[in-house]
Amino acid sequence: MECRIRKRRMKDAADLAAVINNKDIQDNLRDGLPYPYTEKDAGEFISAMLAAGENQIYAFAITVGDKVIGSIGVYRQDNNHARTAEMGYYIAKGYWPVCLLALVLFF
């Protein structure tokens, strides 16, 4: 199994919704995500990532084959936090052991 990182695509919405619509995943993410997390929610998130300014958001899909199994991103902050960024990631539960190691090696 080979994990890869690539740019987001609108067609990723169904896979993304399936990953995030897991309580174990949601319990480890920032507050504010809807539960259940729908394909519409995922589509809105992807649209926002694709529309973001070039130097504001760096968000990528984590894939195995053509299936999206997670996300990783860096999000620049605004106002008095303009020189900081938030980094986050999540991976579908069944891929934790293999893909977490791949991410560590990637960065």
Protein backbone atom coordinates (compact mmCIF):
# COMPACT_ATOMS: atom_id res chain seq x y z
CA MET A 1 0.00 0.00 0.00
CA GLU A 2 1.40 3.36 -1.01
CA CYS A 3 0.12 6.62 0.50
CA ARG A 4 0.44 9.73 -1.63
CA ILE A 5 -0.33 13.41 -1.20
CA ARG A 6 -1.94 15.39 -4.03
CA LYS A 7 -4.03 18.51 -4.62
CA ARG A 8 -7.71 18.35 -3.76
CA ARG A 9 -10.38 17.72 -6.39
CA MET A 10 -14.13 18.30 -6.20
CA LYS A 11 -14.69 14.62 -6.97
CA ASP A 12 -13.04 13.81 -3.60
CA ALA A 13 -16.17 14.85 -1.68
CA ALA A 14 -17.70 11.38 -1.23
CA ASP A 15 -14.44 9.82 0.01
CA LEU A 16 -13.75 12.79 2.28
CA ALA A 17 -17.23 12.61 3.81
CA ALA A 18 -16.79 8.90 4.50
CA VAL A 19 -13.50 9.54 6.33
CA ILE A 20 -14.71 12.45 8.47
CA ASN A 21 -18.11 10.91 9.23
CA ASN A 22 -16.43 8.68 11.81
CA LYS A 23 -16.74 9.63 15.47
CA ASP A 24 -13.19 8.44 16.24
CA ILE A 25 -11.85 10.83 13.59
CA GLN A 26 -14.10 13.72 14.64
CA ASP A 27 -13.13 13.35 18.30
CA ASN A 28 -9.56 14.27 17.32
CA LEU A 29 -10.33 17.26 15.07
CA ARG A 30 -11.01 20.87 15.96
CA ASP A 31 -14.49 21.81 17.16
CA GLY A 32 -17.17 22.99 14.77
CA LEU A 33 -17.41 20.18 12.24
CA PRO A 34 -20.95 18.91 11.73
CA TYR A 35 -21.79 15.34 12.68
CA PRO A 36 -22.92 13.53 10.70
CA TYR A 37 -20.56 14.97 8.07
CA THR A 38 -22.20 14.83 4.65
CA GLU A 39 -20.95 14.84 1.09
CA LYS A 40 -22.36 18.38 0.84
CA ASP A 41 -20.21 19.43 3.82
CA ALA A 42 -17.17 17.89 2.16
CA GLY A 43 -17.93 19.65 -1.13
CA GLU A 44 -18.17 23.01 0.63
CA PHE A 45 -14.85 22.38 2.40
CA ILE A 46 -13.11 21.42 -0.85
CA SER A 47 -14.57 24.47 -2.64
CA ALA A 48 -13.24 26.73 0.12
CA MET A 49 -9.79 25.13 -0.08
CA LEU A 50 -9.68 25.51 -3.87
CA ALA A 51 -10.86 29.15 -3.72
CA ALA A 52 -8.40 30.22 -0.99
CA GLY A 53 -5.59 32.62 -1.70
CA GLU A 54 -2.37 31.11 -2.98
CA ASN A 55 -0.46 31.95 0.19
CA GLN A 56 -3.26 31.30 2.69
CA ILE A 57 -4.02 27.59 2.60
CA TYR A 58 -1.99 24.60 1.57
CA ALA A 59 -4.37 21.65 1.77
CA PHE A 60 -3.79 18.28 0.17
CA ALA A 61 -5.60 14.97 -0.10
CA ILE A 62 -3.92 11.84 1.24
CA THR A 63 -4.64 8.95 -1.11
CA VAL A 64 -4.14 5.25 -1.57
CA GLY A 65 -4.60 4.57 -5.26
CA ASP A 66 -7.30 7.04 -6.34
CA LYS A 67 -9.17 6.79 -3.02
CA VAL A 68 -8.96 9.73 -0.62
CA ILE A 69 -8.21 8.43 2.87
CA GLY A 70 -7.38 11.71 4.59
CA SER A 71 -6.15 15.26 4.42
CA ILE A 72 -3.18 17.32 5.47
CA GLY A 73 -2.90 21.07 5.41
CA VAL A 74 -1.33 24.25 6.67
CA TYR A 75 -3.64 27.20 7.25
CA ARG A 76 -2.18 30.68 7.69
CA GLN A 77 -3.84 32.83 10.32
CA ASP A 78 -5.06 36.45 10.17
CA ASN A 79 -4.80 39.65 12.18
CA ASN A 80 -2.40 39.52 15.14
CA HIS A 81 -1.62 35.88 14.26
CA ALA A 82 -0.58 36.70 10.68
CA ARG A 83 2.88 35.21 11.16
CA THR A 84 1.55 31.90 12.40
CA ALA A 85 -0.11 28.90 10.82
CA GLU A 86 -2.13 25.91 11.95
CA MET A 87 -1.23 22.48 10.66
CA GLY A 88 -3.63 19.58 10.76
CA TYR A 89 -4.20 16.15 9.32
CA TYR A 90 -6.51 13.19 9.56
CA ILE A 91 -6.40 9.70 8.10
CA ALA A 92 -9.15 7.09 7.85
CA LYS A 93 -8.91 4.76 10.83
CA GLY A 94 -8.07 1.62 8.85
CA TYR A 95 -4.97 3.31 7.42
CA TRP A 96 -3.50 4.71 10.65
CA PRO A 97 -0.46 2.46 11.11
CA VAL A 98 0.82 2.53 7.54
CA CYS A 99 -0.01 6.06 6.43
CA LEU A 100 0.98 7.82 9.64
CA LEU A 101 4.47 6.44 9.20
CA ALA A 102 4.46 7.57 5.56
CA LEU A 103 3.53 11.12 6.62
CA VAL A 104 6.28 11.23 9.21
CA LEU A 105 8.80 10.16 6.58
CA PHE A 106 7.41 12.67 4.05
CA PHE A 107 7.93 15.63 6.34
